[in-house]
C-alpha atoms as a PDB file:
ATOM      1  CA  MET A   1     -17.600 -55.811 -25.094  1.00  0.00           C
ATOM      2  CA  ALA A   2     -20.855 -55.138 -26.960  1.00  0.00           C
ATOM      3  CA  ILE A   3     -22.861 -55.571 -23.800  1.00  0.00           C
ATOM      4  CA  CYS A   4     -20.958 -52.718 -22.146  1.00  0.00           C
ATOM      5  CA  VAL A   5     -21.699 -50.403 -25.014  1.00  0.00           C
ATOM      6  CA  GLU A   6     -25.413 -51.155 -24.763  1.00  0.00           C
ATOM      7  CA  ASN A   7     -25.581 -50.465 -21.013  1.00  0.00           C
ATOM      8  CA  LYS A   8     -24.048 -47.041 -20.440  1.00  0.00           C
ATOM      9  CA  SER A   9     -24.512 -46.832 -16.639  1.00  0.00           C
ATOM     10  CA  PHE A  10     -21.265 -45.822 -14.956  1.00  0.00           C
ATOM     11  CA  PRO A  11     -21.113 -48.738 -12.452  1.00  0.00           C
ATOM     12  CA  PHE A  12     -21.599 -51.253 -15.226  1.00  0.00           C
ATOM     13  CA  LEU A  13     -19.006 -49.638 -17.494  1.00  0.00           C
ATOM     14  CA  PHE A  14     -16.565 -49.540 -14.584  1.00  0.00           C
ATOM     15  CA  TYR A  15     -17.177 -53.238 -13.905  1.00  0.00           C
ATOM     16  CA  CYS A  16     -16.471 -54.122 -17.557  1.00  0.00           C
ATOM     17  CA  PHE A  17     -13.259 -52.065 -17.507  1.00  0.00           C
ATOM     18  CA  PHE A  18     -12.151 -53.722 -14.253  1.00  0.00           C
ATOM     19  CA  VAL A  19     -12.747 -57.234 -15.627  1.00  0.00           C
ATOM     20  CA  ARG A  20     -10.624 -56.496 -18.701  1.00  0.00           C
ATOM     21  CA  PHE A  21      -7.939 -54.771 -16.602  1.00  0.00           C
ATOM     22  CA  ILE A  22      -7.340 -57.630 -14.161  1.00  0.00           C
ATOM     23  CA  LYS A  23      -6.891 -60.066 -17.060  1.00  0.00           C
ATOM     24  CA  ILE A  24      -3.629 -58.342 -18.003  1.00  0.00           C
ATOM     25  CA  ILE A  25      -2.294 -57.794 -14.469  1.00  0.00           C
ATOM     26  CA  PRO A  26      -0.358 -60.719 -12.930  1.00  0.00           C
ATOM     27  CA  ILE A  27      -1.563 -61.842  -9.524  1.00  0.00           C
ATOM     28  CA  PHE A  28       1.178 -62.006  -6.922  1.00  0.00           C
ATOM     29  CA  VAL A  29       0.790 -64.430  -4.025  1.00  0.00           C
ATOM     30  CA  PRO A  30       3.217 -64.295  -1.082  1.00  0.00           C
ATOM     31  CA  THR A  31       5.639 -67.238  -1.252  1.00  0.00           C
ATOM     32  CA  LYS A  32       4.880 -68.406   2.268  1.00  0.00           C
ATOM     33  CA  LEU A  33       1.225 -68.863   1.304  1.00  0.00           C
ATOM     34  CA  ILE A  34       2.111 -71.300  -1.473  1.00  0.00           C
ATOM     35  CA  THR A  35       2.268 -74.896  -0.327  1.00  0.00           C
ATOM     36  CA  MET A  36       2.008 -78.196  -2.156  1.00  0.00           C
ATOM     37  CA  ILE A  37       1.826 -80.206   1.069  1.00  0.00           C
ATOM     38  CA  LYS A  38      -1.218 -82.244   2.050  1.00  0.00           C
ATOM     39  CA  ILE A  39      -1.665 -83.717   5.561  1.00  0.00           C
ATOM     40  CA  ASN A  40      -3.677 -86.887   6.189  1.00  0.00           C
ATOM     41  CA  ASN A  41      -4.389 -87.576   9.874  1.00  0.00           C
ATOM     42  CA  LEU A  42      -5.445 -91.239   9.948  1.00  0.00           C
ATOM     43  CA  GLY A  43      -6.184 -91.060  13.665  1.00  0.00           C
ATOM     44  CA  ALA A  44      -8.954 -88.539  13.054  1.00  0.00           C
ATOM     45  CA  THR A  45     -11.186 -91.316  11.666  1.00  0.00           C
ATOM     46  CA  ASP A  46     -12.403 -94.251  13.761  1.00  0.00           C
ATOM     47  CA  SER A  47     -10.760 -97.501  12.670  1.00  0.00           C
ATOM     48  CA  VAL A  48      -8.661-100.380  14.030  1.00  0.00           C
ATOM     49  CA  PHE A  49      -5.691 -98.119  13.296  1.00  0.00           C
ATOM     50  CA  ASN A  50      -6.454 -96.215  16.509  1.00  0.00           C
ATOM     51  CA  GLN A  51      -6.294 -99.466  18.489  1.00  0.00           C
ATOM     52  CA  PHE A  52      -2.711 -99.947  17.284  1.00  0.00           C
ATOM     53  CA  MET A  53      -1.921 -96.322  18.166  1.00  0.00           C
ATOM     54  CA  ALA A  54      -3.402 -96.699  21.652  1.00  0.00           C
ATOM     55  CA  GLU A  55      -1.310 -99.805  22.347  1.00  0.00           C
ATOM     56  CA  LEU A  56       1.785 -98.054  20.994  1.00  0.00           C
ATOM     57  CA  ARG A  57       1.350 -95.275  23.579  1.00  0.00           C
ATOM     58  CA  ASP A  58       0.308 -97.460  26.528  1.00  0.00           C
ATOM     59  CA  ALA A  59       3.165 -97.507  29.064  1.00  0.00           C
ATOM     60  CA  THR A  60       2.199-100.998  30.269  1.00  0.00           C
ATOM     61  CA  ILE A  61       1.955-102.599  26.827  1.00  0.00           C
ATOM     62  CA  GLN A  62       5.217-100.881  25.849  1.00  0.00           C
ATOM     63  CA  GLN A  63       7.079-103.133  28.290  1.00  0.00           C
ATOM     64  CA  ASP A  64       6.631-105.948  25.771  1.00  0.00           C
ATOM     65  CA  ARG A  65       9.201-104.984  23.129  1.00  0.00           C
ATOM     66  CA  LEU A  66       7.904-107.527  20.644  1.00  0.00           C
ATOM     67  CA  ARG A  67       4.392-106.099  20.925  1.00  0.00           C
ATOM     68  CA  PHE A  68       5.733-102.532  20.590  1.00  0.00           C
ATOM     69  CA  ARG A  69       7.642-103.392  17.405  1.00  0.00           C
ATOM     70  CA  ARG A  70       4.641-105.271  16.012  1.00  0.00           C
ATOM     71  CA  ASN A  71       2.360-102.289  16.589  1.00  0.00           C
ATOM     72  CA  LEU A  72       4.813-100.063  14.738  1.00  0.00           C
ATOM     73  CA  GLU A  73       4.801-102.589  11.910  1.00  0.00           C
ATOM     74  CA  ARG A  74       0.994-102.649  11.814  1.00  0.00           C
ATOM     75  CA  ILE A  75       0.853 -98.860  11.693  1.00  0.00           C
ATOM     76  CA  GLY A  76       3.302 -98.994   8.788  1.00  0.00           C
ATOM     77  CA  GLU A  77       1.137-101.582   7.020  1.00  0.00           C
ATOM     78  CA  VAL A  78      -2.011 -99.461   7.340  1.00  0.00           C
ATOM     79  CA  MET A  79      -0.236 -96.322   6.140  1.00  0.00           C
ATOM     80  CA  ALA A  80       1.307 -98.214   3.214  1.00  0.00           C
ATOM     81  CA  TYR A  81      -2.187 -99.396   2.222  1.00  0.00           C
ATOM     82  CA  GLU A  82      -3.504 -95.811   2.322  1.00  0.00           C
ATOM     83  CA  ILE A  83      -0.523 -94.528   0.334  1.00  0.00           C
ATOM     84  CA  SER A  84      -1.056 -97.272  -2.253  1.00  0.00           C
ATOM     85  CA  LYS A  85      -4.383 -95.663  -3.178  1.00  0.00           C
ATOM     86  CA  THR A  86      -2.509 -92.597  -4.477  1.00  0.00           C
ATOM     87  CA  LEU A  87      -0.114 -94.485  -6.771  1.00  0.00           C
ATOM     88  CA  GLU A  88      -0.386 -95.189 -10.497  1.00  0.00           C
ATOM     89  CA  TYR A  89      -1.872 -98.447 -11.788  1.00  0.00           C
ATOM     90  CA  LYS A  90      -1.982-100.331 -15.086  1.00  0.00           C
ATOM     91  CA  GLU A  91      -4.132-103.017 -16.721  1.00  0.00           C
ATOM     92  CA  GLU A  92      -2.578-106.482 -16.635  1.00  0.00           C
ATOM     93  CA  GLN A  93      -3.775-109.873 -17.817  1.00  0.00           C
ATOM     94  CA  ILE A  94      -3.471-112.462 -15.040  1.00  0.00           C
ATOM     95  CA  THR A  95      -3.555-116.125 -15.999  1.00  0.00           C
ATOM     96  CA  THR A  96      -5.490-118.238 -13.501  1.00  0.00           C
ATOM     97  CA  PRO A  97      -5.814-122.063 -13.505  1.00  0.00           C
ATOM     98  CA  LEU A  98      -9.130-121.627 -15.353  1.00  0.00           C
ATOM     99  CA  GLY A  99      -8.654-118.616 -17.577  1.00  0.00           C
ATOM    100  CA  ILE A 100      -7.490-115.007 -17.872  1.00  0.00           C
ATOM    101  CA  LYS A 101      -8.585-112.068 -15.722  1.00  0.00           C
ATOM    102  CA  GLU A 102      -7.929-108.377 -16.369  1.00  0.00           C
ATOM    103  CA  MET A 103      -6.541-106.803 -13.186  1.00  0.00           C
ATOM    104  CA  ARG A 104      -5.277-103.364 -12.240  1.00  0.00           C
ATOM    105  CA  THR A 105      -1.813-103.685 -10.718  1.00  0.00           C
ATOM    106  CA  MET A 106       0.776-101.205  -9.520  1.00  0.00           C
ATOM    107  CA  LYS A 107       2.640 -99.490 -12.328  1.00  0.00           C
ATOM    108  CA  GLU A 108       5.788 -99.180 -10.228  1.00  0.00           C
ATOM    109  CA  GLN A 109       6.961 -99.726  -6.671  1.00  0.00           C
ATOM    110  CA  PRO A 110       7.960 -96.794  -4.436  1.00  0.00           C
ATOM    111  CA  VAL A 111      11.315 -96.314  -2.730  1.00  0.00           C
ATOM    112  CA  ILE A 112      10.937 -96.716   1.043  1.00  0.00           C
ATOM    113  CA  ALA A 113      13.374 -94.755   3.221  1.00  0.00           C
ATOM    114  CA  THR A 114      13.738 -94.794   6.987  1.00  0.00           C
ATOM    115  CA  ILE A 115      15.847 -93.147   9.670  1.00  0.00           C
ATOM    116  CA  LEU A 116      17.807 -95.601  11.825  1.00  0.00           C
ATOM    117  CA  ARG A 117      17.156 -97.108  14.310  1.00  0.00           C
ATOM    118  CA  ALA A 118      13.642 -96.335  15.526  1.00  0.00           C
ATOM    119  CA  GLY A 119      12.251 -96.426  12.002  1.00  0.00           C
ATOM    120  CA  LEU A 120      13.131-100.070  11.304  1.00  0.00           C
ATOM    121  CA  PRO A 121       9.878-101.724  12.530  1.00  0.00           C
ATOM    122  CA  PHE A 122       7.828 -99.014  10.802  1.00  0.00           C
ATOM    123  CA  HIS A 123       9.876 -99.624   7.638  1.00  0.00           C
ATOM    124  CA  ASN A 124       9.297-103.389   7.855  1.00  0.00           C
ATOM    125  CA  GLY A 125       5.544-102.802   7.988  1.00  0.00           C
ATOM    126  CA  MET A 126       5.734-100.682   4.831  1.00  0.00           C
ATOM    127  CA  LEU A 127       7.945-103.260   3.133  1.00  0.00           C
ATOM    128  CA  SER A 128       5.496-106.077   3.877  1.00  0.00           C
ATOM    129  CA  MET A 129       2.973-104.218   1.698  1.00  0.00           C
ATOM    130  CA  PHE A 130       5.348-102.891  -0.985  1.00  0.00           C
ATOM    131  CA  ASP A 131       7.335-106.125  -1.094  1.00  0.00           C
ATOM    132  CA  HIS A 132       9.245-105.307  -4.290  1.00  0.00           C
ATOM    133  CA  ALA A 133      10.189-101.775  -3.257  1.00  0.00           C
ATOM    134  CA  ASP A 134      13.720-100.409  -3.346  1.00  0.00           C
ATOM    135  CA  ASN A 135      14.979 -99.018  -0.050  1.00  0.00           C
ATOM    136  CA  ALA A 136      17.022 -96.278   1.577  1.00  0.00           C
ATOM    137  CA  PHE A 137      18.513 -96.082   5.077  1.00  0.00           C
ATOM    138  CA  ILE A 138      19.725 -92.946   6.844  1.00  0.00           C
ATOM    139  CA  ALA A 139      21.600 -92.559  10.126  1.00  0.00           C
ATOM    140  CA  ALA A 140      20.561 -89.378  11.944  1.00  0.00           C
ATOM    141  CA  TYR A 141      20.772 -88.508  15.624  1.00  0.00           C
ATOM    142  CA  ARG A 142      20.667 -85.687  18.154  1.00  0.00           C
ATOM    143  CA  LYS A 143      24.163 -84.504  19.083  1.00  0.00           C
ATOM    144  CA  TYR A 144      24.058 -82.807  22.507  1.00  0.00           C
ATOM    145  CA  ASP A 145      26.519 -80.260  23.869  1.00  0.00           C
ATOM    146  CA  LYS A 146      27.432 -79.656  27.524  1.00  0.00           C
ATOM    147  CA  ASN A 147      24.386 -77.400  27.943  1.00  0.00           C
ATOM    148  CA  GLU A 148      22.076 -80.180  26.765  1.00  0.00           C
ATOM    149  CA  ASP A 149      21.333 -78.264  23.570  1.00  0.00           C
ATOM    150  CA  PHE A 150      21.399 -80.389  20.451  1.00  0.00           C
ATOM    151  CA  GLU A 151      21.646 -80.329  16.696  1.00  0.00           C
ATOM    152  CA  ILE A 152      20.608 -83.001  14.219  1.00  0.00           C
ATOM    153  CA  LYS A 153      23.555 -84.841  12.681  1.00  0.00           C
ATOM    154  CA  VAL A 154      23.105 -86.934   9.542  1.00  0.00           C
ATOM    155  CA  GLU A 155      26.105 -89.181   8.965  1.00  0.00           C
ATOM    156  CA  TYR A 156      25.104 -92.000   6.639  1.00  0.00           C
ATOM    157  CA  TYR A 157      23.011 -92.545   3.518  1.00  0.00           C
ATOM    158  CA  SER A 158      22.442 -95.781   1.643  1.00  0.00           C
ATOM    159  CA  SER A 159      19.796 -95.175  -0.983  1.00  0.00           C
ATOM    160  CA  ALA A 160      18.389 -96.602  -4.168  1.00  0.00           C
ATOM    161  CA  ASP A 161      17.841 -94.220  -7.075  1.00  0.00           C
ATOM    162  CA  VAL A 162      14.779 -92.051  -6.366  1.00  0.00           C
ATOM    163  CA  GLU A 163      14.912 -90.002  -9.572  1.00  0.00           C
ATOM    164  CA  ASP A 164      11.341 -89.541 -10.862  1.00  0.00           C
ATOM    165  CA  LYS A 165      10.054 -92.178  -8.420  1.00  0.00           C
ATOM    166  CA  VAL A 166       7.665 -92.067  -5.484  1.00  0.00           C
ATOM    167  CA  LEU A 167       9.636 -91.743  -2.248  1.00  0.00           C
ATOM    168  CA  ILE A 168       8.204 -92.754   1.144  1.00  0.00           C
ATOM    169  CA  LEU A 169      10.147 -91.532   4.190  1.00  0.00           C
ATOM    170  CA  CYS A 170       8.903 -93.210   7.369  1.00  0.00           C
ATOM    171  CA  ASP A 171       9.898 -92.396  10.947  1.00  0.00           C
ATOM    172  CA  PRO A 172       7.814 -93.033  14.097  1.00  0.00           C
ATOM    173  CA  MET A 173       8.215 -89.551  15.591  1.00  0.00           C
ATOM    174  CA  LEU A 174       8.209 -86.054  14.109  1.00  0.00           C
ATOM    175  CA  ALA A 175       9.261 -83.790  16.998  1.00  0.00           C
ATOM    176  CA  THR A 176      11.045 -80.658  15.742  1.00  0.00           C
ATOM    177  CA  GLY A 177      10.884 -81.864  12.129  1.00  0.00           C
ATOM    178  CA  GLU A 178      14.569 -81.089  11.612  1.00  0.00           C
ATOM    179  CA  SER A 179      15.686 -84.697  11.072  1.00  0.00           C
ATOM    180  CA  ILE A 180      13.003 -85.203   8.407  1.00  0.00           C
ATOM    181  CA  VAL A 181      14.000 -82.022   6.590  1.00  0.00           C
ATOM    182  CA  LYS A 182      17.755 -82.673   6.774  1.00  0.00           C
ATOM    183  CA  THR A 183      17.286 -86.256   5.622  1.00  0.00           C
ATOM    184  CA  LEU A 184      15.254 -85.195   2.608  1.00  0.00           C
ATOM    185  CA  HIS A 185      17.687 -82.436   1.683  1.00  0.00           C
ATOM    186  CA  GLY A 186      20.486 -85.004   1.711  1.00  0.00           C
ATOM    187  CA  LEU A 187      18.548 -87.574  -0.314  1.00  0.00           C
ATOM    188  CA  LEU A 188      17.420 -84.992  -2.845  1.00  0.00           C
ATOM    189  CA  ASP A 189      20.807 -83.368  -3.280  1.00  0.00           C
ATOM    190  CA  ASP A 190      21.172 -84.872  -6.781  1.00  0.00           C
ATOM    191  CA  MET A 191      17.859 -86.721  -7.246  1.00  0.00           C
ATOM    192  CA  THR A 192      14.305 -85.476  -7.757  1.00  0.00           C
ATOM    193  CA  PRO A 193      11.413 -87.819  -6.904  1.00  0.00           C
ATOM    194  CA  LYS A 194       8.045 -87.270  -8.539  1.00  0.00           C
ATOM    195  CA  HIS A 195       6.320 -87.277  -5.155  1.00  0.00           C
ATOM    196  CA  ILE A 196       7.335 -87.555  -1.488  1.00  0.00           C
ATOM    197  CA  HIS A 197       5.260 -89.232   1.209  1.00  0.00           C
ATOM    198  CA  ILE A 198       6.280 -88.598   4.830  1.00  0.00           C
ATOM    199  CA  ALA A 199       4.799 -91.186   7.197  1.00  0.00           C
ATOM    200  CA  VAL A 200       4.968 -90.699  10.982  1.00  0.00           C
ATOM    201  CA  ALA A 201       3.093 -92.290  13.881  1.00  0.00           C
ATOM    202  CA  VAL A 202       3.111 -89.222  16.166  1.00  0.00           C
ATOM    203  CA  ALA A 203       3.910 -85.622  15.232  1.00  0.00           C
ATOM    204  CA  SER A 204       4.046 -82.388  17.188  1.00  0.00           C
ATOM    205  CA  GLN A 205       2.176 -79.439  15.762  1.00  0.00           C
ATOM    206  CA  GLU A 206       5.364 -77.352  15.974  1.00  0.00           C
ATOM    207  CA  GLY A 207       7.289 -79.966  14.003  1.00  0.00           C
ATOM    208  CA  LEU A 208       4.589 -80.146  11.347  1.00  0.00           C
ATOM    209  CA  ASP A 209       4.652 -76.366  10.996  1.00  0.00           C
ATOM    210  CA  TYR A 210       8.422 -76.484  10.487  1.00  0.00           C
ATOM    211  CA  VAL A 211       8.151 -79.169   7.798  1.00  0.00           C
ATOM    212  CA  LEU A 212       5.376 -77.232   6.061  1.00  0.00           C
ATOM    213  CA  SER A 213       7.588 -74.151   5.981  1.00  0.00           C
ATOM    214  CA  ALA A 214      10.822 -75.906   4.957  1.00  0.00           C
ATOM    215  CA  LEU A 215       9.295 -78.128   2.248  1.00  0.00           C
ATOM    216  CA  SER A 216       6.470 -75.873   1.071  1.00  0.00           C
ATOM    217  CA  ARG A 217       7.536 -75.970  -2.569  1.00  0.00           C
ATOM    218  CA  GLN A 218       8.001 -79.740  -2.720  1.00  0.00           C
ATOM    219  CA  PRO A 219       5.299 -82.222  -3.840  1.00  0.00           C
ATOM    220  CA  VAL A 220       4.771 -83.730  -0.365  1.00  0.00           C
ATOM    221  CA  THR A 221       2.005 -85.652   1.370  1.00  0.00           C
ATOM    222  CA  ILE A 222       2.259 -86.202   5.138  1.00  0.00           C
ATOM    223  CA  TRP A 223       0.585 -89.233   6.741  1.00  0.00           C
ATOM    224  CA  VAL A 224       0.296 -89.029  10.513  1.00  0.00           C
ATOM    225  CA  GLY A 225      -1.300 -91.230  13.156  1.00  0.00           C
ATOM    226  CA  SER A 226      -1.753 -88.460  15.719  1.00  0.00           C
ATOM    227  CA  ILE A 227      -0.870 -84.790  16.155  1.00  0.00           C
ATOM    228  CA  ASP A 228       0.143 -83.748  19.694  1.00  0.00           C
ATOM    229  CA  GLU A 229       0.163 -80.082  20.634  1.00  0.00           C
ATOM    230  CA  GLU A 230       2.997 -79.911  23.171  1.00  0.00           C
ATOM    231  CA  LEU A 231       6.743 -80.026  22.544  1.00  0.00           C
ATOM    232  CA  THR A 232       8.949 -79.658  25.632  1.00  0.00           C
ATOM    233  CA  ALA A 233      12.040 -77.452  25.931  1.00  0.00           C
ATOM    234  CA  LYS A 234      14.128 -80.568  25.220  1.00  0.00           C
ATOM    235  CA  ALA A 235      12.035 -81.280  22.110  1.00  0.00           C
ATOM    236  CA  TYR A 236      10.089 -84.276  23.416  1.00  0.00           C
ATOM    237  CA  ILE A 237       6.502 -84.716  22.260  1.00  0.00           C
ATOM    238  CA  VAL A 238       3.854 -84.683  25.019  1.00  0.00           C
ATOM    239  CA  PRO A 239       1.967 -86.912  25.581  1.00  0.00           C
ATOM    240  CA  GLY A 240       3.886 -88.679  22.796  1.00  0.00           C
ATOM    241  CA  LEU A 241       4.964 -92.247  23.490  1.00  0.00           C
ATOM    242  CA  GLY A 242       8.547 -92.011  24.751  1.00  0.00           C
ATOM    243  CA  ASP A 243      11.740 -92.939  22.913  1.00  0.00           C
ATOM    244  CA  ALA A 244      10.647 -95.263  20.090  1.00  0.00           C
ATOM    245  CA  GLY A 245      14.167 -96.567  19.491  1.00  0.00           C
ATOM    246  CA  ASP A 246      14.722 -97.477  23.154  1.00  0.00           C
ATOM    247  CA  LEU A 247      11.294 -99.087  23.426  1.00  0.00           C
ATOM    248  CA  ALA A 248      11.890-101.193  20.339  1.00  0.00           C
ATOM    249  CA  TYR A 249      15.534-102.188  20.886  1.00  0.00           C
ATOM    250  CA  GLY A 250      16.637-101.269  24.416  1.00  0.00           C
ATOM    251  CA  GLU A 251      18.148 -98.173  26.011  1.00  0.00           C
ATOM    252  CA  LYS A 252      21.232 -96.749  24.325  1.00  0.00           C
ATOM    253  CA  ARG A 253      24.323 -95.452  26.116  1.00  0.00           C
END
């Protein structure tokens, strides 16, 4: 503090006192302002990805179930490629027919989880990129009452060990966000992944806000193809793309 002693002007002395004072006072930040979640909107950048998204939404192209499922797969493949850039890599010596080449390869494979049934094509696209990945499958659905109100029911989990691993949860639609949150709470009941990636083709802004609030203290990255502003009273995304499960596999009873 020698410099403060040399300059005896009151404003300068006050500044020096303030600097020393704040160093010993803890800074309190409201909990709701703390978030570890990052959102990557792939549709915000021009690429062939947006062609797949456009075909996925197109009501005419949707009539071809094979094409609809393939577009979901392609979206999963692109997102898996983008996610792969965030993973850990190691040096490995690869023996070729003519010699040895140092290559950087994946240190470990992620665990890929999906919500049945709409998530299956999306999951297959991810799995075609992470072809040695372990997997998890979750059965979740909307249970309606006589007033057409609903709650999310999760009835089945089949999961590999995700302890200290990278977990990717993929589902085509994020409407209210409740199924994503309930699924993760169930998966993480007795396991803690090192990082969680949530991959969705279309999300509502309201659903994203809910996920941000519910998972704010988790190490989460969200990958989304498009963010739509409107969510109807019955929790359907507008313009959205319709019921992904029905479009991929036929209407359910």
